[in-house]
C-alpha cells in the first residue's frame, strides 16, 4: 500500500513539474497584448511622404535660411551661407555673405518675410544644386511689395553639413491682368540689353 502511494505521488509530482516548466501553454496576459499593439502602432510605415530624402533635407536648410532672414538672425544666416557665398538678386544686385549679413541685421523692415520651397535637388558628389520657388514680401519706399520667383542655390558639403556658395533668383513676370508668366531667359541679372522674344516680334 505504501509502495503504491509512493509511486502515485511520484507520478503526480512529475506532472506538476512539467506543467510549471512549459509557459507556452499559458494564455497571453493583457500586458503582453497591449505591448505588442503599441509596438505595431509606432512602427514607421516608410510611406509618410512622397518627397525624396534630398528634398526633405535641403528644405530644412532653406527653411533655416528664410527663418534667419525673417528674424534678422546673424548667426543663423552665417550657419547656412558659405564664406564664399555670392548672391545674384532678381534685380541684378550682387552681394557677398558679409553684405547679406549686414543687410539682415541692419534692416528696419518689420514686414520683411521670405519663404522658399525646394522643387528639385541634384546631388553631384560634394556639390548639390537645389531649384525651387520663393516669395519675398518687403517694403519698397512707403508701400509693401511681394516678389515671387524661382531660385537656383548651389551648396557645398562642409564639415559634415551643407553651405550655400551661390544663389541666383529670377522674378516671375506678370502681365497686365496680374497673371504670372513662365520664367524667361530674357531676364538679364546683369542688365545686358539682349532682345526678348517680344522685342524681336515687335521689330518684324
N, C-alpha and C. Protein backbone atom coordinates (compact mmCIF):
# COMPACT_ATOMS: atom_id res chain seq x y z
N UNK A 1 0.83 -1.20 0.00
CA UNK A 1 0.00 0.00 0.00
C UNK A 1 0.86 1.24 0.00
N UNK A 2 1.86 1.21 0.88
CA UNK A 2 2.76 2.36 0.95
C UNK A 2 3.52 2.52 -0.36
N UNK A 3 3.92 1.36 -0.94
CA UNK A 3 4.66 1.44 -2.20
C UNK A 3 3.78 2.01 -3.31
N UNK A 4 2.51 1.61 -3.36
CA UNK A 4 1.59 2.14 -4.37
C UNK A 4 1.38 3.64 -4.20
N UNK A 5 1.23 4.09 -2.94
CA UNK A 5 1.03 5.52 -2.67
C UNK A 5 2.26 6.32 -3.06
N UNK A 6 3.44 5.75 -2.81
CA UNK A 6 4.69 6.45 -3.15
C UNK A 6 4.81 6.60 -4.66
N UNK A 7 4.45 5.53 -5.42
CA UNK A 7 4.53 5.61 -6.88
C UNK A 7 3.55 6.65 -7.43
N UNK A 8 2.33 6.64 -6.87
CA UNK A 8 1.33 7.62 -7.32
C UNK A 8 1.77 9.04 -7.03
N UNK A 9 2.39 9.29 -5.88
CA UNK A 9 2.87 10.63 -5.51
C UNK A 9 3.99 11.07 -6.45
N UNK A 10 4.87 10.15 -6.80
CA UNK A 10 5.99 10.49 -7.70
C UNK A 10 5.48 10.89 -9.07
N UNK A 11 4.48 10.13 -9.61
CA UNK A 11 3.92 10.46 -10.93
C UNK A 11 3.23 11.82 -10.89
N UNK A 12 2.45 12.07 -9.83
CA UNK A 12 1.75 13.35 -9.71
C UNK A 12 2.72 14.50 -9.63
N UNK A 13 3.82 14.37 -8.91
CA UNK A 13 4.82 15.43 -8.76
C UNK A 13 5.51 15.72 -10.11
N UNK A 14 5.78 14.64 -10.88
CA UNK A 14 6.43 14.81 -12.18
C UNK A 14 5.52 15.58 -13.13
N UNK A 15 4.22 15.29 -13.11
CA UNK A 15 3.27 16.01 -13.99
C UNK A 15 3.19 17.47 -13.62
N UNK A 16 3.15 17.78 -12.33
CA UNK A 16 3.08 19.19 -11.88
C UNK A 16 4.34 19.95 -12.27
N UNK A 17 5.48 19.32 -12.15
CA UNK A 17 6.75 19.98 -12.51
C UNK A 17 6.81 20.26 -14.00
N UNK A 18 6.32 19.34 -14.84
CA UNK A 18 6.34 19.54 -16.30
C UNK A 18 5.42 20.69 -16.70
N UNK A 19 4.26 20.79 -16.06
CA UNK A 19 3.32 21.86 -16.38
C UNK A 19 3.89 23.21 -15.99
N UNK A 20 4.62 23.27 -14.89
CA UNK A 20 5.20 24.54 -14.43
C UNK A 20 6.33 25.00 -15.34
N UNK A 21 7.02 24.08 -15.98
CA UNK A 21 8.15 24.42 -16.84
C UNK A 21 7.74 24.72 -18.27
N UNK A 22 6.47 24.74 -18.63
CA UNK A 22 6.01 24.96 -20.00
C UNK A 22 5.15 26.23 -20.05
N UNK A 23 5.75 27.46 -20.10
CA UNK A 23 4.97 28.71 -20.11
C UNK A 23 4.23 28.93 -21.41
N UNK A 24 4.57 28.19 -22.49
CA UNK A 24 3.93 28.40 -23.78
C UNK A 24 2.44 28.09 -23.72
N UNK A 25 2.05 27.23 -22.74
CA UNK A 25 0.64 26.87 -22.66
C UNK A 25 -0.16 27.90 -21.91
N UNK A 26 0.52 28.85 -21.25
CA UNK A 26 -0.21 29.89 -20.51
C UNK A 26 -0.84 30.86 -21.48
N UNK A 27 -2.04 31.32 -21.24
CA UNK A 27 -2.67 32.30 -22.14
C UNK A 27 -1.97 33.63 -22.03
N UNK A 28 -1.89 34.44 -23.12
CA UNK A 28 -1.22 35.74 -23.08
C UNK A 28 -1.95 36.68 -22.15
N UNK A 29 -1.19 37.44 -21.40
CA UNK A 29 -1.77 38.39 -20.46
C UNK A 29 -2.16 39.66 -21.19
N UNK A 30 -2.94 40.50 -20.50
CA UNK A 30 -3.37 41.77 -21.10
C UNK A 30 -2.19 42.68 -21.34
N UNK A 31 -1.18 42.62 -20.42
CA UNK A 31 0.02 43.46 -20.57
C UNK A 31 0.77 43.10 -21.83
N UNK A 32 0.95 41.80 -22.08
CA UNK A 32 1.66 41.37 -23.28
C UNK A 32 0.93 41.80 -24.53
N UNK A 33 -0.37 41.65 -24.57
CA UNK A 33 -1.14 42.03 -25.74
C UNK A 33 -1.07 43.53 -25.98
N UNK A 34 -1.15 44.33 -24.92
CA UNK A 34 -1.11 45.77 -25.10
C UNK A 34 0.25 46.22 -25.57
N UNK A 35 1.33 45.57 -25.08
CA UNK A 35 2.67 45.94 -25.51
C UNK A 35 2.87 45.65 -26.99
N UNK A 36 2.40 44.52 -27.47
CA UNK A 36 2.56 44.18 -28.88
C UNK A 36 1.75 45.14 -29.75
N UNK A 37 0.59 45.56 -29.27
CA UNK A 37 -0.21 46.51 -30.02
C UNK A 37 0.46 47.86 -30.10
N UNK A 38 1.09 48.32 -29.01
CA UNK A 38 1.78 49.61 -29.01
C UNK A 38 2.96 49.58 -29.96
N UNK A 39 3.66 48.45 -29.97
CA UNK A 39 4.80 48.35 -30.88
C UNK A 39 4.38 48.46 -32.32
N UNK A 40 3.25 47.88 -32.67
CA UNK A 40 2.76 47.96 -34.04
C UNK A 40 2.33 49.37 -34.39
N UNK A 41 1.85 50.12 -33.38
CA UNK A 41 1.34 51.46 -33.65
C UNK A 41 2.46 52.43 -33.96
N UNK A 42 3.63 52.29 -33.33
CA UNK A 42 4.72 53.24 -33.51
C UNK A 42 5.68 52.83 -34.60
N UNK A 43 5.45 51.70 -35.22
CA UNK A 43 6.35 51.25 -36.28
C UNK A 43 6.24 52.16 -37.49
N UNK A 44 7.35 52.76 -37.97
CA UNK A 44 7.27 53.66 -39.12
C UNK A 44 6.81 52.93 -40.37
N UNK A 45 5.96 53.59 -41.14
CA UNK A 45 5.40 52.95 -42.32
C UNK A 45 6.30 53.09 -43.53
N UNK A 46 7.15 54.16 -43.55
CA UNK A 46 8.02 54.39 -44.69
C UNK A 46 7.31 55.01 -45.87
N UNK A 47 6.01 55.33 -45.73
CA UNK A 47 5.25 55.91 -46.82
C UNK A 47 4.56 57.19 -46.37
N UNK A 48 5.23 57.94 -45.47
CA UNK A 48 4.64 59.15 -44.93
C UNK A 48 4.78 60.32 -45.89
N UNK A 49 5.73 60.29 -46.82
CA UNK A 49 5.93 61.39 -47.75
C UNK A 49 6.38 60.85 -49.10
N UNK A 50 6.00 61.58 -50.15
CA UNK A 50 6.42 61.20 -51.49
C UNK A 50 7.67 61.95 -51.92
N UNK A 51 8.16 62.88 -51.08
CA UNK A 51 9.35 63.64 -51.41
C UNK A 51 10.60 62.81 -51.16
N UNK A 52 11.63 63.10 -51.95
CA UNK A 52 12.89 62.37 -51.79
C UNK A 52 13.58 62.84 -50.51
N UNK A 53 14.45 62.00 -49.95
CA UNK A 53 15.19 62.41 -48.75
C UNK A 53 16.02 63.67 -49.00
N UNK A 54 16.53 63.83 -50.23
CA UNK A 54 17.33 65.02 -50.53
C UNK A 54 16.48 66.29 -50.48
N UNK A 55 15.27 66.23 -51.02
CA UNK A 55 14.40 67.40 -50.98
C UNK A 55 14.03 67.75 -49.54
N UNK A 56 13.73 66.74 -48.74
CA UNK A 56 13.40 66.97 -47.34
C UNK A 56 14.59 67.60 -46.62
N UNK A 57 15.79 67.08 -46.88
CA UNK A 57 16.99 67.59 -46.22
C UNK A 57 17.26 69.05 -46.57
N UNK A 58 17.18 69.38 -47.86
CA UNK A 58 17.50 70.74 -48.27
C UNK A 58 16.34 71.71 -48.00
N UNK A 59 15.13 71.19 -47.88
CA UNK A 59 14.03 72.07 -47.47
C UNK A 59 14.26 72.59 -46.06
N UNK A 60 14.82 71.74 -45.18
CA UNK A 60 15.14 72.19 -43.83
C UNK A 60 16.19 73.29 -43.86
N UNK A 61 17.16 73.18 -44.75
CA UNK A 61 18.19 74.21 -44.87
C UNK A 61 17.57 75.51 -45.38
N UNK A 62 16.71 75.41 -46.40
CA UNK A 62 16.06 76.60 -46.94
C UNK A 62 15.15 77.25 -45.90
N UNK A 63 14.49 76.45 -45.08
CA UNK A 63 13.65 77.00 -44.02
C UNK A 63 14.50 77.73 -42.98
N UNK A 64 15.66 77.17 -42.65
CA UNK A 64 16.56 77.83 -41.71
C UNK A 64 17.07 79.15 -42.28
N UNK A 65 17.35 79.16 -43.57
CA UNK A 65 17.80 80.36 -44.27
C UNK A 65 16.71 81.44 -44.20
N UNK A 66 15.50 81.09 -44.60
CA UNK A 66 14.40 82.05 -44.57
C UNK A 66 14.11 82.53 -43.15
N UNK A 67 14.18 81.62 -42.19
CA UNK A 67 13.95 81.99 -40.80
C UNK A 67 14.97 82.99 -40.30
N UNK A 68 16.23 82.82 -40.70
CA UNK A 68 17.27 83.75 -40.29
C UNK A 68 17.03 85.14 -40.87
N UNK A 69 16.56 85.19 -42.12
CA UNK A 69 16.25 86.48 -42.74
C UNK A 69 15.06 87.14 -42.05
N UNK A 70 14.02 86.37 -41.79
CA UNK A 70 12.81 86.93 -41.19
C UNK A 70 13.04 87.41 -39.76
N UNK A 71 13.93 86.75 -39.04
CA UNK A 71 14.18 87.07 -37.65
C UNK A 71 15.42 87.94 -37.46
N UNK A 72 16.03 88.37 -38.57
CA UNK A 72 17.24 89.20 -38.53
C UNK A 72 18.33 88.53 -37.67
N UNK A 73 18.51 87.24 -37.94
CA UNK A 73 19.41 86.39 -37.14
C UNK A 73 20.76 86.26 -37.84
N UNK A 74 21.76 86.95 -37.34
CA UNK A 74 23.09 86.92 -37.96
C UNK A 74 23.70 85.53 -37.91
N UNK A 75 23.67 84.90 -36.73
CA UNK A 75 24.28 83.58 -36.60
C UNK A 75 23.58 82.55 -37.48
N UNK A 76 22.26 82.61 -37.52
CA UNK A 76 21.51 81.66 -38.34
C UNK A 76 21.86 81.78 -39.81
N UNK A 77 22.08 83.02 -40.28
CA UNK A 77 22.42 83.22 -41.68
C UNK A 77 23.84 82.75 -41.97
N UNK A 78 24.77 83.03 -41.06
CA UNK A 78 26.15 82.59 -41.24
C UNK A 78 26.26 81.07 -41.20
N UNK A 79 25.33 80.43 -40.51
CA UNK A 79 25.35 78.97 -40.41
C UNK A 79 24.89 78.30 -41.69
N UNK A 80 24.23 79.05 -42.56
CA UNK A 80 23.70 78.50 -43.81
C UNK A 80 24.56 78.90 -45.01
N UNK A 81 25.10 80.11 -44.98
CA UNK A 81 25.84 80.63 -46.12
C UNK A 81 27.34 80.41 -45.95
N UNK A 82 27.99 80.01 -47.03
CA UNK A 82 29.43 79.81 -47.04
C UNK A 82 30.15 81.15 -47.05
N UNK A 83 31.38 81.22 -46.49
CA UNK A 83 32.17 82.46 -46.60
C UNK A 83 32.42 82.86 -48.06
N UNK A 84 32.31 81.89 -48.98
CA UNK A 84 32.50 82.17 -50.40
C UNK A 84 31.19 82.51 -51.10
N UNK A 85 30.12 82.67 -50.34
CA UNK A 85 28.79 82.87 -50.92
C UNK A 85 28.71 84.14 -51.77
N UNK A 86 28.05 83.99 -52.93
CA UNK A 86 27.74 85.11 -53.81
C UNK A 86 26.26 85.03 -54.16
N UNK A 87 25.56 86.15 -54.01
CA UNK A 87 24.13 86.19 -54.30
C UNK A 87 23.88 87.12 -55.48
N UNK A 88 23.13 86.62 -56.47
CA UNK A 88 22.70 87.44 -57.60
C UNK A 88 21.19 87.61 -57.45
N UNK A 89 20.78 88.80 -57.03
CA UNK A 89 19.37 89.07 -56.79
C UNK A 89 18.62 89.20 -58.10
N UNK A 90 17.30 89.18 -58.00
CA UNK A 90 16.47 89.28 -59.20
C UNK A 90 16.64 90.61 -59.92
N UNK A 91 17.01 91.66 -59.17
CA UNK A 91 17.20 92.98 -59.80
C UNK A 91 18.62 93.19 -60.30
N UNK A 92 19.48 92.17 -60.17
CA UNK A 92 20.83 92.27 -60.68
C UNK A 92 21.88 92.61 -59.65
N UNK A 93 21.47 92.93 -58.42
CA UNK A 93 22.44 93.25 -57.38
C UNK A 93 23.24 92.01 -57.00
N UNK A 94 24.55 92.18 -56.85
CA UNK A 94 25.43 91.08 -56.47
C UNK A 94 26.02 91.38 -55.10
N UNK A 95 25.85 90.46 -54.16
CA UNK A 95 26.33 90.66 -52.80
C UNK A 95 27.05 89.42 -52.29
N UNK A 96 27.90 89.62 -51.30
CA UNK A 96 28.63 88.53 -50.64
C UNK A 96 27.89 88.14 -49.37
N UNK A 97 28.43 87.14 -48.68
CA UNK A 97 27.80 86.73 -47.42
C UNK A 97 27.85 87.86 -46.40
N UNK A 98 28.99 88.54 -46.28
CA UNK A 98 29.09 89.62 -45.30
C UNK A 98 28.09 90.73 -45.59
N UNK A 99 27.90 91.04 -46.86
CA UNK A 99 26.92 92.06 -47.20
C UNK A 99 25.50 91.61 -46.91
N UNK A 100 25.23 90.33 -47.14
CA UNK A 100 23.92 89.79 -46.81
C UNK A 100 23.65 89.89 -45.31
N UNK A 101 24.65 89.55 -44.51
CA UNK A 101 24.50 89.60 -43.05
C UNK A 101 24.25 91.03 -42.60
N UNK A 102 24.99 91.98 -43.15
CA UNK A 102 24.80 93.39 -42.78
C UNK A 102 23.39 93.85 -43.14
N UNK A 103 22.91 93.46 -44.30
CA UNK A 103 21.57 93.84 -44.71
C UNK A 103 20.51 93.28 -43.76
N UNK A 104 20.72 92.05 -43.31
CA UNK A 104 19.73 91.39 -42.46
C UNK A 104 19.69 92.05 -41.07
N UNK A 105 20.85 92.28 -40.48
CA UNK A 105 20.86 92.79 -39.10
C UNK A 105 20.58 94.29 -39.04
N UNK A 106 20.77 95.01 -40.15
CA UNK A 106 20.54 96.45 -40.14
C UNK A 106 19.18 96.85 -40.70
N UNK A 107 18.45 95.88 -41.25
CA UNK A 107 17.15 96.19 -41.86
C UNK A 107 16.12 96.55 -40.78
N UNK A 108 15.36 97.62 -41.04
CA UNK A 108 14.28 98.01 -40.14
C UNK A 108 12.91 97.72 -40.76
N UNK A 109 12.91 96.85 -41.80
CA UNK A 109 11.67 96.48 -42.47
C UNK A 109 10.95 95.45 -41.61
N UNK A 110 9.93 95.88 -40.88
CA UNK A 110 9.20 94.99 -39.98
C UNK A 110 8.34 93.98 -40.75
N UNK A 111 8.02 94.30 -42.00
CA UNK A 111 7.18 93.40 -42.78
C UNK A 111 7.96 92.43 -43.64
N UNK A 112 9.28 92.43 -43.52
CA UNK A 112 10.11 91.54 -44.34
C UNK A 112 9.80 90.09 -44.02
N UNK A 113 9.49 89.32 -45.08
CA UNK A 113 9.15 87.92 -44.87
C UNK A 113 9.51 87.12 -46.12
N UNK A 114 10.33 86.08 -45.94
CA UNK A 114 10.81 85.25 -47.04
C UNK A 114 10.37 83.81 -46.83
N UNK A 115 9.87 83.18 -47.89
CA UNK A 115 9.60 81.75 -47.88
C UNK A 115 10.27 81.13 -49.11
N UNK A 116 10.78 79.90 -48.96
CA UNK A 116 11.48 79.21 -50.05
C UNK A 116 11.05 77.75 -50.07
N UNK A 117 10.69 77.26 -51.24
CA UNK A 117 10.23 75.87 -51.38
C UNK A 117 11.09 75.15 -52.41
N UNK A 118 11.70 74.06 -51.98
CA UNK A 118 12.56 73.27 -52.86
C UNK A 118 11.70 72.40 -53.77
N UNK A 119 12.02 72.41 -55.05
CA UNK A 119 11.31 71.59 -56.03
C UNK A 119 12.15 70.40 -56.47
N UNK A 120 13.42 70.65 -56.79
CA UNK A 120 14.31 69.57 -57.22
C UNK A 120 15.67 69.74 -56.56
N UNK A 121 16.37 68.62 -56.39
CA UNK A 121 17.73 68.62 -55.86
C UNK A 121 18.55 67.65 -56.69
N UNK A 122 19.70 68.10 -57.17
CA UNK A 122 20.63 67.24 -57.89
C UNK A 122 21.91 67.12 -57.07
N UNK A 123 22.28 65.89 -56.77
CA UNK A 123 23.47 65.62 -55.97
C UNK A 123 24.64 65.31 -56.90
N UNK A 124 25.71 66.07 -56.76
CA UNK A 124 26.91 65.91 -57.58
C UNK A 124 28.13 65.75 -56.68
N UNK A 125 28.15 64.66 -55.95
CA UNK A 125 29.25 64.43 -55.01
C UNK A 125 29.14 65.38 -53.83
N UNK A 126 30.15 66.24 -53.66
CA UNK A 126 30.16 67.20 -52.57
C UNK A 126 29.48 68.52 -52.95
N UNK A 127 28.78 68.51 -54.07
CA UNK A 127 28.05 69.70 -54.53
C UNK A 127 26.59 69.29 -54.76
N UNK A 128 25.67 70.16 -54.37
CA UNK A 128 24.25 69.93 -54.59
C UNK A 128 23.63 71.19 -55.20
N UNK A 129 22.74 70.98 -56.16
CA UNK A 129 22.04 72.09 -56.82
C UNK A 129 20.56 71.96 -56.50
N UNK A 130 20.03 72.98 -55.82
CA UNK A 130 18.61 72.99 -55.45
C UNK A 130 17.88 74.06 -56.25
N UNK A 131 16.76 73.68 -56.85
CA UNK A 131 15.91 74.61 -57.57
C UNK A 131 14.55 74.68 -56.88
N UNK A 132 13.96 75.86 -56.87
CA UNK A 132 12.67 76.00 -56.22
C UNK A 132 12.04 77.35 -56.46
N UNK A 133 11.02 77.64 -55.69
CA UNK A 133 10.31 78.90 -55.80
C UNK A 133 10.44 79.67 -54.49
N UNK A 134 10.27 80.97 -54.57
CA UNK A 134 10.35 81.79 -53.37
C UNK A 134 9.33 82.92 -53.44
N UNK A 135 8.98 83.42 -52.27
CA UNK A 135 8.13 84.60 -52.14
C UNK A 135 8.78 85.53 -51.14
N UNK A 136 8.98 86.77 -51.52
CA UNK A 136 9.63 87.76 -50.66
C UNK A 136 8.70 88.96 -50.51
N UNK A 137 8.26 89.19 -49.30
CA UNK A 137 7.46 90.37 -49.00
C UNK A 137 8.37 91.41 -48.34
N UNK A 138 8.43 92.59 -48.92
CA UNK A 138 9.33 93.62 -48.39
C UNK A 138 8.77 95.00 -48.70
N UNK A 139 9.39 95.99 -48.10
CA UNK A 139 8.93 97.35 -48.28
C UNK A 139 9.69 98.01 -49.41
N UNK A 140 8.95 98.69 -50.28
CA UNK A 140 9.55 99.47 -51.36
C UNK A 140 9.06 100.90 -51.20
N UNK A 141 9.93 101.77 -50.71
CA UNK A 141 9.51 103.12 -50.41
C UNK A 141 8.55 103.12 -49.24
N UNK A 142 7.36 103.69 -49.46
CA UNK A 142 6.36 103.74 -48.40
C UNK A 142 5.34 102.62 -48.52
N UNK A 143 5.44 101.80 -49.55
CA UNK A 143 4.47 100.73 -49.77
C UNK A 143 5.12 99.36 -49.61
N UNK A 144 4.28 98.35 -49.56
CA UNK A 144 4.75 96.97 -49.42
C UNK A 144 4.59 96.24 -50.74
N UNK A 145 5.61 95.48 -51.11
CA UNK A 145 5.60 94.73 -52.37
C UNK A 145 5.84 93.26 -52.09
N UNK A 146 5.30 92.42 -52.97
CA UNK A 146 5.50 90.98 -52.88
C UNK A 146 6.18 90.50 -54.15
N UNK A 147 7.35 89.93 -53.99
CA UNK A 147 8.14 89.43 -55.12
C UNK A 147 8.06 87.91 -55.15
N UNK A 148 7.66 87.37 -56.29
CA UNK A 148 7.58 85.92 -56.45
C UNK A 148 8.49 85.50 -57.60
N UNK A 149 9.23 84.43 -57.38
CA UNK A 149 10.15 83.99 -58.42
C UNK A 149 10.68 82.60 -58.19
N UNK A 150 11.73 82.28 -58.93
CA UNK A 150 12.38 80.98 -58.83
C UNK A 150 13.84 81.20 -58.44
N UNK A 151 14.43 80.17 -57.83
CA UNK A 151 15.83 80.29 -57.42
C UNK A 151 16.62 79.06 -57.81
N UNK A 152 17.92 79.26 -57.92
CA UNK A 152 18.89 78.17 -58.03
C UNK A 152 19.93 78.39 -56.95
N UNK A 153 20.07 77.43 -56.05
CA UNK A 153 21.03 77.52 -54.97
C UNK A 153 22.03 76.37 -55.10
N UNK A 154 23.29 76.72 -55.06
CA UNK A 154 24.36 75.72 -55.16
C UNK A 154 24.99 75.57 -53.77
N UNK A 155 25.00 74.34 -53.28
CA UNK A 155 25.53 74.04 -51.96
C UNK A 155 26.81 73.22 -52.06
N UNK A 156 27.67 73.42 -51.09
CA UNK A 156 28.91 72.65 -50.99
C UNK A 156 28.95 71.96 -49.63
N UNK A 157 29.35 70.68 -49.63
CA UNK A 157 29.46 69.96 -48.36
C UNK A 157 30.62 70.52 -47.57
N UNK A 158 30.37 70.88 -46.31
CA UNK A 158 31.41 71.50 -45.50
C UNK A 158 31.25 71.05 -44.05
N UNK A 159 32.29 70.39 -43.52
CA UNK A 159 32.32 69.95 -42.12
C UNK A 159 31.10 69.11 -41.77
N UNK A 160 30.73 68.22 -42.68
CA UNK A 160 29.62 67.32 -42.43
C UNK A 160 28.25 67.91 -42.70
N UNK A 161 28.19 69.18 -43.10
CA UNK A 161 26.92 69.82 -43.41
C UNK A 161 26.96 70.44 -44.80
N UNK A 162 25.97 71.26 -45.10
CA UNK A 162 25.88 71.90 -46.41
C UNK A 162 25.78 73.41 -46.23
N UNK A 163 26.56 74.15 -47.02
CA UNK A 163 26.50 75.60 -47.01
C UNK A 163 26.35 76.10 -48.45
N UNK A 164 25.52 77.12 -48.61
CA UNK A 164 25.26 77.66 -49.95
C UNK A 164 26.42 78.54 -50.38
N UNK A 165 26.91 78.32 -51.60
CA UNK A 165 28.01 79.12 -52.12
C UNK A 165 27.55 80.05 -53.24
N UNK A 166 26.35 79.82 -53.78
CA UNK A 166 25.87 80.67 -54.87
C UNK A 166 24.34 80.66 -54.92
N UNK A 167 23.77 81.84 -55.13
CA UNK A 167 22.32 81.97 -55.22
C UNK A 167 21.97 82.83 -56.42
N UNK A 168 21.01 82.39 -57.19
CA UNK A 168 20.52 83.13 -58.35
C UNK A 168 18.99 83.15 -58.29
N UNK A 169 18.41 84.35 -58.33
CA UNK A 169 16.96 84.47 -58.27
C UNK A 169 16.44 85.15 -59.53
N UNK A 170 15.27 84.73 -59.98
CA UNK A 170 14.61 85.31 -61.15
C UNK A 170 13.16 85.56 -60.81
N UNK A 171 12.70 86.78 -61.03
CA UNK A 171 11.31 87.14 -60.75
C UNK A 171 10.41 86.59 -61.85
N UNK A 172 9.26 86.07 -61.43
CA UNK A 172 8.25 85.65 -62.40
C UNK A 172 7.47 86.89 -62.84
N UNK A 173 7.60 87.23 -64.09
CA UNK A 173 6.94 88.43 -64.60
C UNK A 173 5.43 88.26 -64.65
N UNK A 174 4.74 89.35 -64.54
CA UNK A 174 3.28 89.32 -64.58
C UNK A 174 2.79 90.20 -65.72
N UNK A 175 1.70 89.74 -66.37
CA UNK A 175 1.12 90.55 -67.44
C UNK A 175 0.17 91.57 -66.85
N UNK A 176 -0.50 92.30 -67.69
CA UNK A 176 -1.37 93.38 -67.23
C UNK A 176 -2.57 92.87 -66.44
N UNK A 177 -2.93 91.61 -66.62
CA UNK A 177 -4.06 91.03 -65.90
C UNK A 177 -3.66 90.47 -64.55
N UNK A 178 -2.37 90.58 -64.22
CA UNK A 178 -1.90 90.11 -62.93
C UNK A 178 -1.55 88.64 -62.91
N UNK A 179 -1.64 87.96 -64.09
CA UNK A 179 -1.30 86.54 -64.14
C UNK A 179 0.20 86.38 -64.33
N UNK A 180 0.76 85.41 -63.65
CA UNK A 180 2.19 85.17 -63.73
C UNK A 180 2.53 84.47 -65.03
N UNK A 181 3.63 84.90 -65.61
CA UNK A 181 4.14 84.23 -66.79
C UNK A 181 5.24 83.25 -66.39
N UNK A 182 5.53 82.33 -67.29
CA UNK A 182 6.59 81.37 -67.03
C UNK A 182 7.93 82.08 -67.05
N UNK A 183 8.93 81.56 -66.28
CA UNK A 183 10.25 82.18 -66.28
C UNK A 183 10.82 82.26 -67.68
N UNK A 184 11.47 83.37 -67.98
CA UNK A 184 12.04 83.57 -69.31
C UNK A 184 13.53 83.80 -69.20
N UNK A 185 14.27 83.29 -70.16
CA UNK A 185 15.71 83.52 -70.18
C UNK A 185 16.04 84.94 -70.57
N UNK A 186 15.02 85.75 -70.88
CA UNK A 186 15.26 87.14 -71.26
C UNK A 186 15.50 88.02 -70.04
N UNK A 187 15.35 87.47 -68.82
CA UNK A 187 15.63 88.24 -67.62
C UNK A 187 17.14 88.27 -67.42
N UNK A 188 17.77 89.44 -67.60
CA UNK A 188 19.22 89.53 -67.52
C UNK A 188 19.64 90.06 -66.15
N UNK A 189 20.31 89.24 -65.31
CA UNK A 189 20.71 89.72 -63.99
C UNK A 189 21.73 90.84 -64.05
N UNK A 190 22.48 90.93 -65.15
CA UNK A 190 23.48 91.98 -65.27
C UNK A 190 23.00 93.12 -66.17
N UNK A 191 21.71 93.13 -66.47
CA UNK A 191 21.09 94.18 -67.28
C UNK A 191 21.73 94.27 -68.67
N UNK A 192 22.11 93.14 -69.24
CA UNK A 192 22.63 93.13 -70.60
C UNK A 192 21.46 93.27 -71.55
N UNK A 193 21.50 94.22 -72.47
CA UNK A 193 20.32 94.50 -73.30
C UNK A 193 20.10 93.50 -74.41
N UNK A 194 19.92 92.20 -74.04
CA UNK A 194 19.53 91.21 -75.03
C UNK A 194 18.08 91.46 -75.41
N UNK A 195 17.71 91.00 -76.59
CA UNK A 195 16.33 91.13 -77.02
C UNK A 195 15.53 89.96 -76.47
N UNK A 196 14.38 90.25 -75.94
CA UNK A 196 13.47 89.18 -75.55
C UNK A 196 12.65 88.80 -76.77
N UNK A 197 11.86 87.73 -76.67
CA UNK A 197 11.07 87.28 -77.80
C UNK A 197 10.06 88.35 -78.22
N UNK A 198 9.49 89.04 -77.22
CA UNK A 198 8.52 90.09 -77.55
C UNK A 198 9.16 91.24 -78.29
N UNK A 199 10.41 91.57 -77.94
CA UNK A 199 11.11 92.64 -78.65
C UNK A 199 11.36 92.26 -80.09
N UNK A 200 11.73 91.00 -80.33
CA UNK A 200 12.01 90.56 -81.70
C UNK A 200 10.74 90.59 -82.53
N UNK A 201 9.62 90.17 -81.93
CA UNK A 201 8.36 90.16 -82.67
C UNK A 201 7.93 91.56 -83.07
N UNK A 202 8.20 92.51 -82.18
CA UNK A 202 7.76 93.86 -82.46
C UNK A 202 8.56 94.51 -83.56
N UNK A 203 9.81 93.99 -83.80
CA UNK A 203 10.66 94.56 -84.82
C UNK A 203 10.38 93.97 -86.19
N UNK A 204 9.71 92.82 -86.27
CA UNK A 204 9.42 92.18 -87.54
C UNK A 204 8.21 92.82 -88.21
